[in-house]
């Protein structure tokens, strides 16, 4: 695996190291030792799969607060998505900054999301499928979210939003969400 640094400290793009032959290729997608050597969480509590019928479908932006902070390892296994993370760590030099990364079945990248980062994505293709490992159990009492269209974040989603859940459309704007967290 190749660990590619992003502008957000602690967030990494994970690129596969393929061992190719006439059959195709083999690649390790996760190794606890390599992750821990990189300073990343080496264990996950859950593994989730989401499927999206239509391009433009948006999920997020989700996060959990302490004591149920989540790390995530997100990979698109079918189609393509635009994956966005927002740094919500008070005191971080990149606090409230975000990045967007295209993850696809073609590039086979994964995005490592540290704890206290909001995470969401938009399907870029019909039938996009996303597999993500999560470092903490889903704990509804500690779940929070941010609006995908919050003007304070100014996220430039690549497509018009075609499908959004009622829950994700109801997250508060950034300022009230931060006040609730503290």
N, C-alpha and C. Protein backbone atom coordinates (compact mmCIF):
# COMPACT_ATOMS: atom_id res chain seq x y z
N UNK A 1 0.83 -1.19 0.00
CA UNK A 1 0.00 0.00 0.00
C UNK A 1 0.87 1.25 0.00
N UNK A 2 0.41 2.24 -0.70
CA UNK A 2 1.07 3.53 -0.70
C UNK A 2 0.19 4.50 0.09
N UNK A 3 0.77 5.21 1.04
CA UNK A 3 0.05 6.19 1.84
C UNK A 3 0.35 7.57 1.27
N UNK A 4 -0.67 8.21 0.74
CA UNK A 4 -0.49 9.53 0.13
C UNK A 4 -1.09 10.57 1.06
N UNK A 5 -0.24 11.49 1.51
CA UNK A 5 -0.66 12.53 2.44
C UNK A 5 -1.64 13.49 1.76
N UNK A 6 -2.58 14.02 2.53
CA UNK A 6 -3.47 15.06 2.02
C UNK A 6 -3.16 16.36 2.76
N UNK A 7 -3.82 17.43 2.38
CA UNK A 7 -3.57 18.71 3.07
C UNK A 7 -4.16 18.73 4.47
N UNK A 8 -5.01 17.74 4.81
CA UNK A 8 -5.60 17.65 6.15
C UNK A 8 -4.79 16.64 6.95
N UNK A 9 -4.13 17.12 8.00
CA UNK A 9 -3.26 16.26 8.81
C UNK A 9 -4.03 15.04 9.31
N UNK A 10 -3.45 13.87 9.11
CA UNK A 10 -4.05 12.63 9.58
C UNK A 10 -4.96 11.96 8.57
N UNK A 11 -5.33 12.64 7.50
CA UNK A 11 -6.17 12.06 6.44
C UNK A 11 -5.26 11.59 5.31
N UNK A 12 -5.48 10.38 4.85
CA UNK A 12 -4.59 9.78 3.85
C UNK A 12 -5.39 9.13 2.73
N UNK A 13 -4.84 9.20 1.54
CA UNK A 13 -5.34 8.39 0.42
C UNK A 13 -4.48 7.13 0.41
N UNK A 14 -5.13 5.98 0.32
CA UNK A 14 -4.41 4.71 0.30
C UNK A 14 -4.49 4.15 -1.12
N UNK A 15 -3.33 4.01 -1.72
CA UNK A 15 -3.26 3.47 -3.08
C UNK A 15 -2.76 2.03 -3.02
N UNK A 16 -3.34 1.18 -3.81
CA UNK A 16 -2.96 -0.23 -3.83
C UNK A 16 -1.60 -0.43 -4.50
N UNK A 17 -0.86 -1.42 -4.02
CA UNK A 17 0.35 -1.89 -4.70
C UNK A 17 -0.01 -3.21 -5.35
N UNK A 18 -0.18 -3.17 -6.63
CA UNK A 18 -0.64 -4.37 -7.35
C UNK A 18 0.50 -5.32 -7.65
N UNK A 19 0.24 -6.60 -7.45
CA UNK A 19 1.13 -7.67 -7.90
C UNK A 19 0.41 -8.32 -9.08
N UNK A 20 0.86 -7.97 -10.29
CA UNK A 20 0.13 -8.38 -11.48
C UNK A 20 0.76 -9.60 -12.14
N UNK A 21 -0.08 -10.42 -12.73
CA UNK A 21 0.36 -11.51 -13.59
C UNK A 21 -0.75 -11.79 -14.60
N UNK A 22 -0.66 -12.90 -15.32
CA UNK A 22 -1.61 -13.18 -16.38
C UNK A 22 -3.04 -13.38 -15.88
N UNK A 23 -3.21 -13.61 -14.59
CA UNK A 23 -4.54 -13.80 -14.03
C UNK A 23 -5.24 -12.48 -13.74
N UNK A 24 -4.44 -11.44 -13.55
CA UNK A 24 -4.97 -10.15 -13.12
C UNK A 24 -4.02 -9.54 -12.12
N UNK A 25 -4.51 -9.19 -10.96
CA UNK A 25 -3.62 -8.67 -9.92
C UNK A 25 -4.13 -9.05 -8.54
N UNK A 26 -3.21 -8.94 -7.58
CA UNK A 26 -3.51 -9.12 -6.17
C UNK A 26 -3.00 -7.88 -5.46
N UNK A 27 -3.74 -7.42 -4.45
CA UNK A 27 -3.29 -6.28 -3.66
C UNK A 27 -3.89 -6.36 -2.27
N UNK A 28 -3.12 -5.99 -1.30
CA UNK A 28 -3.61 -5.91 0.07
C UNK A 28 -4.35 -4.58 0.22
N UNK A 29 -5.54 -4.61 0.81
CA UNK A 29 -6.32 -3.39 0.99
C UNK A 29 -6.22 -2.83 2.40
N UNK A 30 -5.77 -3.66 3.33
CA UNK A 30 -5.62 -3.21 4.71
C UNK A 30 -4.63 -4.12 5.41
N UNK A 31 -3.77 -3.52 6.24
CA UNK A 31 -2.84 -4.28 7.08
C UNK A 31 -2.69 -3.50 8.38
N UNK A 32 -3.10 -4.09 9.49
CA UNK A 32 -3.05 -3.40 10.79
C UNK A 32 -1.64 -2.91 11.09
N UNK A 33 -0.63 -3.72 10.81
CA UNK A 33 0.76 -3.31 11.10
C UNK A 33 1.17 -2.09 10.29
N UNK A 34 0.85 -2.11 8.99
CA UNK A 34 1.23 -0.97 8.14
C UNK A 34 0.47 0.29 8.55
N UNK A 35 -0.80 0.14 8.89
CA UNK A 35 -1.58 1.30 9.33
C UNK A 35 -1.02 1.86 10.63
N UNK A 36 -0.73 0.99 11.58
CA UNK A 36 -0.20 1.45 12.86
C UNK A 36 1.17 2.08 12.70
N UNK A 37 2.00 1.54 11.81
CA UNK A 37 3.32 2.13 11.54
C UNK A 37 3.19 3.54 10.95
N UNK A 38 2.06 3.77 10.27
CA UNK A 38 1.80 5.09 9.66
C UNK A 38 1.13 6.02 10.67
N UNK A 39 0.83 5.51 11.87
CA UNK A 39 0.16 6.31 12.90
C UNK A 39 -1.35 6.29 12.79
N UNK A 40 -1.88 5.34 12.02
CA UNK A 40 -3.33 5.26 11.81
C UNK A 40 -3.91 4.15 12.67
N UNK A 41 -5.20 4.22 12.89
CA UNK A 41 -5.88 3.17 13.66
C UNK A 41 -5.73 1.84 12.93
N UNK A 42 -5.42 0.80 13.71
CA UNK A 42 -5.20 -0.51 13.10
C UNK A 42 -6.33 -1.49 13.33
N UNK A 43 -7.42 -1.02 13.91
CA UNK A 43 -8.56 -1.92 14.12
C UNK A 43 -9.85 -1.21 13.71
N UNK A 44 -10.81 -2.00 13.32
CA UNK A 44 -12.13 -1.47 12.95
C UNK A 44 -13.19 -2.29 13.65
N UNK A 45 -14.27 -1.63 14.04
CA UNK A 45 -15.36 -2.29 14.77
C UNK A 45 -16.47 -2.76 13.83
N UNK A 46 -16.66 -2.05 12.71
CA UNK A 46 -17.73 -2.38 11.79
C UNK A 46 -17.26 -2.21 10.35
N UNK A 47 -17.94 -2.91 9.47
CA UNK A 47 -17.72 -2.74 8.04
C UNK A 47 -19.08 -2.56 7.39
N UNK A 48 -19.25 -1.51 6.61
CA UNK A 48 -20.55 -1.16 6.04
C UNK A 48 -20.48 -1.09 4.52
N UNK A 49 -21.61 -1.34 3.89
CA UNK A 49 -21.72 -1.26 2.44
C UNK A 49 -22.93 -0.41 2.10
N UNK A 50 -22.75 0.54 1.19
CA UNK A 50 -23.89 1.32 0.72
C UNK A 50 -23.94 1.25 -0.80
N UNK A 51 -25.14 1.25 -1.32
CA UNK A 51 -25.38 1.18 -2.75
C UNK A 51 -26.27 2.36 -3.12
N UNK A 52 -26.00 2.95 -4.26
CA UNK A 52 -26.72 4.16 -4.69
C UNK A 52 -27.27 3.95 -6.09
N UNK A 53 -28.60 4.01 -6.20
CA UNK A 53 -29.22 3.79 -7.50
C UNK A 53 -28.81 4.84 -8.54
N UNK A 54 -28.78 6.10 -8.10
CA UNK A 54 -28.64 7.17 -9.09
C UNK A 54 -27.42 8.05 -8.86
N UNK A 55 -26.80 8.47 -9.93
CA UNK A 55 -25.75 9.49 -9.86
C UNK A 55 -26.36 10.74 -9.26
N UNK A 56 -25.60 11.44 -8.46
CA UNK A 56 -26.07 12.64 -7.79
C UNK A 56 -26.56 12.38 -6.37
N UNK A 57 -26.77 11.11 -6.02
CA UNK A 57 -27.19 10.78 -4.65
C UNK A 57 -26.11 11.26 -3.68
N UNK A 58 -26.55 11.91 -2.61
CA UNK A 58 -25.61 12.44 -1.63
C UNK A 58 -25.90 11.83 -0.26
N UNK A 59 -24.85 11.41 0.41
CA UNK A 59 -24.95 10.88 1.78
C UNK A 59 -23.99 11.67 2.66
N UNK A 60 -24.52 12.17 3.78
CA UNK A 60 -23.67 12.89 4.72
C UNK A 60 -24.09 14.33 4.88
N UNK A 61 -23.30 15.01 5.60
CA UNK A 61 -21.98 14.76 6.18
C UNK A 61 -22.15 14.28 7.62
N UNK A 62 -21.59 13.12 7.95
CA UNK A 62 -21.78 12.47 9.24
C UNK A 62 -20.49 12.43 10.06
N UNK A 63 -20.67 12.41 11.37
CA UNK A 63 -19.55 12.15 12.28
C UNK A 63 -20.12 11.77 13.65
N UNK A 64 -19.27 11.23 14.50
CA UNK A 64 -19.66 10.93 15.87
C UNK A 64 -18.69 11.66 16.80
N UNK A 65 -19.23 12.11 17.94
CA UNK A 65 -18.42 12.82 18.92
C UNK A 65 -17.97 11.85 20.01
N UNK A 66 -17.02 12.27 20.84
CA UNK A 66 -16.49 11.45 21.94
C UNK A 66 -17.63 11.11 22.91
N UNK A 67 -17.60 9.92 23.44
CA UNK A 67 -16.53 8.92 23.41
C UNK A 67 -16.66 7.92 22.25
N UNK A 68 -17.39 8.25 21.22
CA UNK A 68 -17.62 7.30 20.12
C UNK A 68 -17.03 7.83 18.81
N UNK A 69 -15.87 8.50 18.86
CA UNK A 69 -15.24 9.02 17.64
C UNK A 69 -15.00 7.89 16.65
N UNK A 70 -15.27 8.16 15.40
CA UNK A 70 -15.09 7.15 14.35
C UNK A 70 -13.91 7.51 13.45
N UNK A 71 -13.08 6.52 13.18
CA UNK A 71 -12.19 6.60 12.05
C UNK A 71 -12.87 5.80 10.94
N UNK A 72 -12.55 6.11 9.70
CA UNK A 72 -13.16 5.37 8.59
C UNK A 72 -12.11 5.10 7.53
N UNK A 73 -12.30 3.99 6.86
CA UNK A 73 -11.53 3.67 5.66
C UNK A 73 -12.56 3.41 4.57
N UNK A 74 -12.63 4.34 3.61
CA UNK A 74 -13.71 4.36 2.62
C UNK A 74 -13.16 3.97 1.26
N UNK A 75 -13.86 3.06 0.58
CA UNK A 75 -13.43 2.60 -0.74
C UNK A 75 -14.66 2.44 -1.63
N UNK A 76 -14.59 2.93 -2.85
CA UNK A 76 -15.67 2.73 -3.82
C UNK A 76 -15.36 1.47 -4.62
N UNK A 77 -16.24 0.48 -4.53
CA UNK A 77 -15.98 -0.81 -5.18
C UNK A 77 -16.70 -0.95 -6.51
N UNK A 78 -17.63 -0.03 -6.79
CA UNK A 78 -18.36 -0.08 -8.07
C UNK A 78 -18.75 1.33 -8.44
N UNK A 79 -18.46 1.74 -9.67
CA UNK A 79 -18.78 3.09 -10.10
C UNK A 79 -17.77 4.09 -9.56
N UNK A 80 -18.26 5.28 -9.22
CA UNK A 80 -17.38 6.34 -8.73
C UNK A 80 -18.16 7.25 -7.78
N UNK A 81 -17.42 7.81 -6.82
CA UNK A 81 -18.00 8.78 -5.88
C UNK A 81 -17.05 9.95 -5.72
N UNK A 82 -17.60 11.07 -5.25
CA UNK A 82 -16.80 12.21 -4.81
C UNK A 82 -16.90 12.23 -3.29
N UNK A 83 -15.81 11.90 -2.63
CA UNK A 83 -15.79 11.72 -1.19
C UNK A 83 -15.25 12.99 -0.53
N UNK A 84 -15.97 13.49 0.48
CA UNK A 84 -15.60 14.75 1.13
C UNK A 84 -15.43 14.52 2.63
N UNK A 85 -14.37 15.10 3.19
CA UNK A 85 -14.18 15.09 4.63
C UNK A 85 -13.90 16.51 5.11
N UNK A 86 -14.37 16.81 6.32
CA UNK A 86 -14.20 18.14 6.92
C UNK A 86 -13.55 17.96 8.29
N UNK A 87 -12.47 18.67 8.52
CA UNK A 87 -11.74 18.60 9.78
C UNK A 87 -12.50 19.39 10.85
N UNK A 88 -12.96 18.70 11.88
CA UNK A 88 -13.71 19.33 12.98
C UNK A 88 -12.93 19.31 14.29
N UNK A 89 -11.63 19.05 14.21
CA UNK A 89 -10.82 18.97 15.42
C UNK A 89 -10.44 20.37 15.89
N UNK A 90 -11.00 20.81 17.03
CA UNK A 90 -10.60 22.13 17.54
C UNK A 90 -9.09 22.16 17.77
N UNK A 91 -8.45 23.22 17.39
CA UNK A 91 -7.00 23.34 17.56
C UNK A 91 -6.20 22.83 16.38
N UNK A 92 -6.84 22.14 15.45
CA UNK A 92 -6.14 21.67 14.25
C UNK A 92 -5.82 22.86 13.35
N UNK A 93 -4.66 22.82 12.72
CA UNK A 93 -4.31 23.92 11.80
C UNK A 93 -5.20 23.91 10.56
N UNK A 94 -5.93 22.83 10.33
CA UNK A 94 -6.84 22.75 9.18
C UNK A 94 -8.31 22.67 9.63
N UNK A 95 -8.58 23.17 10.83
CA UNK A 95 -9.94 23.17 11.37
C UNK A 95 -10.92 23.80 10.37
N UNK A 96 -11.99 23.12 10.11
CA UNK A 96 -13.07 23.50 9.21
C UNK A 96 -12.69 23.51 7.73
N UNK A 97 -11.50 23.04 7.40
CA UNK A 97 -11.16 22.90 5.99
C UNK A 97 -11.62 21.53 5.51
N UNK A 98 -11.80 21.40 4.21
CA UNK A 98 -12.25 20.12 3.67
C UNK A 98 -11.45 19.77 2.42
N UNK A 99 -11.52 18.49 2.08
CA UNK A 99 -10.99 18.02 0.80
C UNK A 99 -12.05 17.15 0.15
N UNK A 100 -11.97 17.04 -1.14
CA UNK A 100 -12.81 16.13 -1.91
C UNK A 100 -11.90 15.25 -2.76
N UNK A 101 -12.17 13.96 -2.75
CA UNK A 101 -11.35 13.00 -3.49
C UNK A 101 -12.26 12.09 -4.29
N UNK A 102 -11.96 11.90 -5.56
CA UNK A 102 -12.74 10.94 -6.34
C UNK A 102 -12.21 9.54 -6.07
N UNK A 103 -13.10 8.68 -5.58
CA UNK A 103 -12.79 7.27 -5.38
C UNK A 103 -13.59 6.49 -6.40
N UNK A 104 -12.96 5.53 -7.04
CA UNK A 104 -13.69 4.82 -8.10
C UNK A 104 -13.23 3.38 -8.22
N UNK A 105 -14.02 2.61 -8.95
CA UNK A 105 -13.62 1.23 -9.22
C UNK A 105 -12.36 1.20 -10.09
N UNK A 106 -12.09 2.28 -10.80
CA UNK A 106 -10.91 2.33 -11.66
C UNK A 106 -9.64 2.66 -10.88
N UNK A 107 -9.68 3.70 -10.02
CA UNK A 107 -8.44 4.05 -9.30
C UNK A 107 -8.25 3.19 -8.04
N UNK A 108 -9.33 2.62 -7.54
CA UNK A 108 -9.29 1.70 -6.39
C UNK A 108 -8.63 2.31 -5.15
N UNK A 109 -8.65 3.63 -5.06
CA UNK A 109 -8.11 4.29 -3.88
C UNK A 109 -9.07 4.11 -2.71
N UNK A 110 -8.52 4.26 -1.51
CA UNK A 110 -9.33 4.37 -0.30
C UNK A 110 -8.95 5.68 0.38
N UNK A 111 -9.86 6.21 1.16
CA UNK A 111 -9.59 7.42 1.93
C UNK A 111 -9.68 7.07 3.40
N UNK A 112 -8.61 7.37 4.14
CA UNK A 112 -8.60 7.17 5.58
C UNK A 112 -9.08 8.47 6.23
N UNK A 113 -10.12 8.35 7.05
CA UNK A 113 -10.75 9.51 7.67
C UNK A 113 -10.49 9.44 9.18
N UNK A 114 -9.76 10.40 9.74
CA UNK A 114 -9.49 10.39 11.18
C UNK A 114 -10.76 10.68 11.99
N UNK A 115 -10.68 10.45 13.31
CA UNK A 115 -11.79 10.79 14.19
C UNK A 115 -12.04 12.29 14.20
N UNK A 116 -13.28 12.65 14.46
CA UNK A 116 -13.75 14.03 14.48
C UNK A 116 -13.59 14.75 13.13
N UNK A 117 -13.79 14.00 12.09
CA UNK A 117 -13.93 14.54 10.74
C UNK A 117 -15.35 14.21 10.28
N UNK A 118 -16.05 15.19 9.72
CA UNK A 118 -17.33 14.89 9.07
C UNK A 118 -17.02 14.24 7.73
N UNK A 119 -17.88 13.30 7.35
CA UNK A 119 -17.66 12.55 6.12
C UNK A 119 -18.96 12.43 5.33
N UNK A 120 -18.86 12.61 4.03
CA UNK A 120 -20.00 12.40 3.14
C UNK A 120 -19.50 12.17 1.74
N UNK A 121 -20.41 11.73 0.89
CA UNK A 121 -20.00 11.55 -0.50
C UNK A 121 -21.19 11.70 -1.44
N UNK A 122 -20.86 11.93 -2.71
CA UNK A 122 -21.87 12.00 -3.76
C UNK A 122 -21.54 10.95 -4.81
N UNK A 123 -22.55 10.16 -5.17
CA UNK A 123 -22.37 9.18 -6.24
C UNK A 123 -22.20 9.91 -7.57
N UNK A 124 -21.15 9.54 -8.30
CA UNK A 124 -20.89 10.16 -9.62
C UNK A 124 -21.45 9.30 -10.75
N UNK A 125 -21.81 8.06 -10.42
CA UNK A 125 -22.35 7.15 -11.42
C UNK A 125 -23.59 6.47 -10.85
N UNK A 126 -24.46 6.01 -11.73
CA UNK A 126 -25.56 5.15 -11.29
C UNK A 126 -24.93 3.86 -10.76
N UNK A 127 -25.52 3.30 -9.71
CA UNK A 127 -25.06 2.02 -9.19
C UNK A 127 -23.76 2.08 -8.41
N UNK A 128 -23.36 3.24 -7.92
CA UNK A 128 -22.12 3.33 -7.15
C UNK A 128 -22.27 2.58 -5.83
N UNK A 129 -21.24 1.83 -5.50
CA UNK A 129 -21.24 1.02 -4.28
C UNK A 129 -20.01 1.37 -3.46
N UNK A 130 -20.23 1.56 -2.15
CA UNK A 130 -19.16 2.03 -1.28
C UNK A 130 -19.04 1.09 -0.09
N UNK A 131 -17.82 0.66 0.17
CA UNK A 131 -17.51 -0.19 1.32
C UNK A 131 -16.68 0.65 2.27
N UNK A 132 -17.11 0.72 3.53
CA UNK A 132 -16.29 1.46 4.48
C UNK A 132 -16.22 0.75 5.81
N UNK A 133 -14.99 0.72 6.32
CA UNK A 133 -14.72 0.15 7.62
C UNK A 133 -14.72 1.30 8.62
N UNK A 134 -15.27 1.04 9.81
CA UNK A 134 -15.45 2.10 10.79
C UNK A 134 -14.81 1.65 12.10
N UNK A 135 -14.08 2.55 12.73
CA UNK A 135 -13.31 2.23 13.92
C UNK A 135 -14.10 2.18 15.22
N UNK A 136 -15.35 2.58 15.18
CA UNK A 136 -16.17 2.56 16.39
C UNK A 136 -17.57 2.09 16.02
N UNK A 137 -18.26 1.52 16.99
CA UNK A 137 -19.63 1.09 16.73
C UNK A 137 -20.53 2.30 16.48
N UNK A 138 -21.50 2.11 15.61
CA UNK A 138 -22.49 3.16 15.40
C UNK A 138 -23.21 3.42 16.71
N UNK A 139 -23.18 4.67 17.14
CA UNK A 139 -23.74 5.05 18.44
C UNK A 139 -24.65 6.25 18.21
N UNK A 140 -25.93 6.01 17.99
CA UNK A 140 -26.84 7.11 17.60
C UNK A 140 -26.80 8.32 18.53
N UNK A 141 -26.62 8.12 19.83
CA UNK A 141 -26.60 9.25 20.76
C UNK A 141 -25.42 10.19 20.57
N UNK A 142 -24.38 9.71 19.87
CA UNK A 142 -23.19 10.53 19.63
C UNK A 142 -23.06 10.92 18.15
N UNK A 143 -24.05 10.57 17.38
CA UNK A 143 -24.02 10.91 15.95
C UNK A 143 -24.38 12.38 15.74
N UNK A 144 -23.64 13.00 14.84
CA UNK A 144 -23.90 14.39 14.45
C UNK A 144 -23.78 14.48 12.94
N UNK A 145 -24.15 15.65 12.43
CA UNK A 145 -24.02 15.85 11.00
C UNK A 145 -23.94 17.32 10.64
N UNK A 146 -23.47 17.57 9.46
CA UNK A 146 -23.41 18.93 8.91
C UNK A 146 -24.17 18.95 7.60
N UNK A 147 -24.70 20.12 7.27
CA UNK A 147 -25.41 20.27 6.00
C UNK A 147 -24.42 20.23 4.83
N UNK A 148 -24.80 19.49 3.82
CA UNK A 148 -23.95 19.36 2.63
C UNK A 148 -23.80 20.68 1.91
N UNK A 149 -24.78 21.57 2.09
CA UNK A 149 -24.79 22.85 1.37
C UNK A 149 -24.52 24.03 2.29
N UNK A 150 -23.85 23.78 3.39
CA UNK A 150 -23.55 24.85 4.34
C UNK A 150 -22.66 25.89 3.66
N UNK A 151 -23.11 27.15 3.61
CA UNK A 151 -22.27 28.17 2.95
C UNK A 151 -20.93 28.38 3.64
N UNK A 152 -20.84 28.07 4.94
CA UNK A 152 -19.56 28.23 5.65
C UNK A 152 -18.53 27.22 5.15
N UNK A 153 -18.98 26.08 4.63
CA UNK A 153 -18.06 25.07 4.11
C UNK A 153 -17.77 25.27 2.62
N UNK A 154 -18.77 25.74 1.88
CA UNK A 154 -18.61 26.01 0.44
C UNK A 154 -18.07 24.80 -0.32
N UNK A 155 -18.66 23.64 -0.08
CA UNK A 155 -18.23 22.43 -0.78
C UNK A 155 -18.78 22.48 -2.21
N UNK A 156 -17.92 22.25 -3.17
CA UNK A 156 -18.30 22.29 -4.58
C UNK A 156 -18.59 20.85 -5.04
N UNK A 157 -19.84 20.41 -4.85
CA UNK A 157 -20.22 19.06 -5.27
C UNK A 157 -20.25 19.01 -6.79
N UNK A 158 -19.76 17.95 -7.39
CA UNK A 158 -19.64 17.91 -8.86
C UNK A 158 -20.96 17.86 -9.62
N UNK A 159 -22.01 17.28 -9.01
CA UNK A 159 -23.29 17.10 -9.70
C UNK A 159 -24.41 17.76 -8.90
N UNK A 160 -25.51 18.09 -9.57
CA UNK A 160 -26.69 18.51 -8.79
C UNK A 160 -27.12 17.34 -7.90
N UNK A 161 -27.62 17.65 -6.72
CA UNK A 161 -28.05 16.60 -5.79
C UNK A 161 -29.38 16.03 -6.29
N UNK A 162 -29.40 14.73 -6.54
CA UNK A 162 -30.61 14.09 -7.07
C UNK A 162 -31.40 13.38 -5.98
N UNK A 163 -30.72 12.84 -4.99
CA UNK A 163 -31.37 12.13 -3.89
C UNK A 163 -30.63 12.48 -2.60
N UNK A 164 -31.43 12.82 -1.56
CA UNK A 164 -30.87 13.15 -0.25
C UNK A 164 -31.89 12.71 0.79
N UNK A 165 -31.46 12.07 1.84
CA UNK A 165 -32.40 11.62 2.87
C UNK A 165 -32.94 12.81 3.66
N UNK A 166 -34.09 12.61 4.26
CA UNK A 166 -34.68 13.64 5.12
C UNK A 166 -33.72 13.96 6.26
N UNK A 167 -33.12 12.92 6.80
CA UNK A 167 -32.17 13.11 7.91
C UNK A 167 -30.99 14.00 7.50
N UNK A 168 -30.39 13.68 6.35
CA UNK A 168 -29.23 14.47 5.91
C UNK A 168 -29.61 15.88 5.50
N UNK A 169 -30.84 16.08 5.05
CA UNK A 169 -31.29 17.42 4.70
C UNK A 169 -31.61 18.25 5.94
N UNK A 170 -31.73 17.59 7.08
CA UNK A 170 -32.11 18.28 8.31
C UNK A 170 -30.96 18.60 9.25
N UNK A 171 -29.73 18.27 8.85
CA UNK A 171 -28.62 18.60 9.75
C UNK A 171 -28.51 20.11 9.88
N UNK A 172 -28.04 20.59 11.05
CA UNK A 172 -27.93 22.05 11.22
C UNK A 172 -26.76 22.64 10.43
N UNK A 173 -26.83 23.94 10.27
CA UNK A 173 -25.67 24.62 9.70
C UNK A 173 -24.52 24.56 10.70
N UNK A 174 -23.34 24.84 10.22
CA UNK A 174 -22.12 24.64 10.99
C UNK A 174 -22.11 25.32 12.36
N UNK A 175 -22.44 26.57 12.45
CA UNK A 175 -22.32 27.29 13.72
C UNK A 175 -23.16 26.64 14.82
N UNK A 176 -24.45 26.36 14.61
CA UNK A 176 -25.21 25.69 15.67
C UNK A 176 -24.67 24.29 15.98
N UNK A 177 -24.19 23.57 14.99
CA UNK A 177 -23.66 22.21 15.22
C UNK A 177 -22.45 22.26 16.14
N UNK A 178 -21.57 23.23 15.94
CA UNK A 178 -20.39 23.34 16.77
C UNK A 178 -20.74 23.74 18.20
N UNK A 179 -21.75 24.58 18.36
CA UNK A 179 -22.17 24.98 19.71
C UNK A 179 -22.74 23.78 20.45
N UNK A 180 -23.48 22.92 19.73
CA UNK A 180 -24.09 21.74 20.35
C UNK A 180 -23.03 20.74 20.78
N UNK A 181 -21.94 20.67 20.02
CA UNK A 181 -20.88 19.70 20.30
C UNK A 181 -20.16 20.00 21.60
N UNK A 182 -20.04 21.29 21.91
CA UNK A 182 -19.24 21.66 23.10
C UNK A 182 -20.10 21.83 24.33
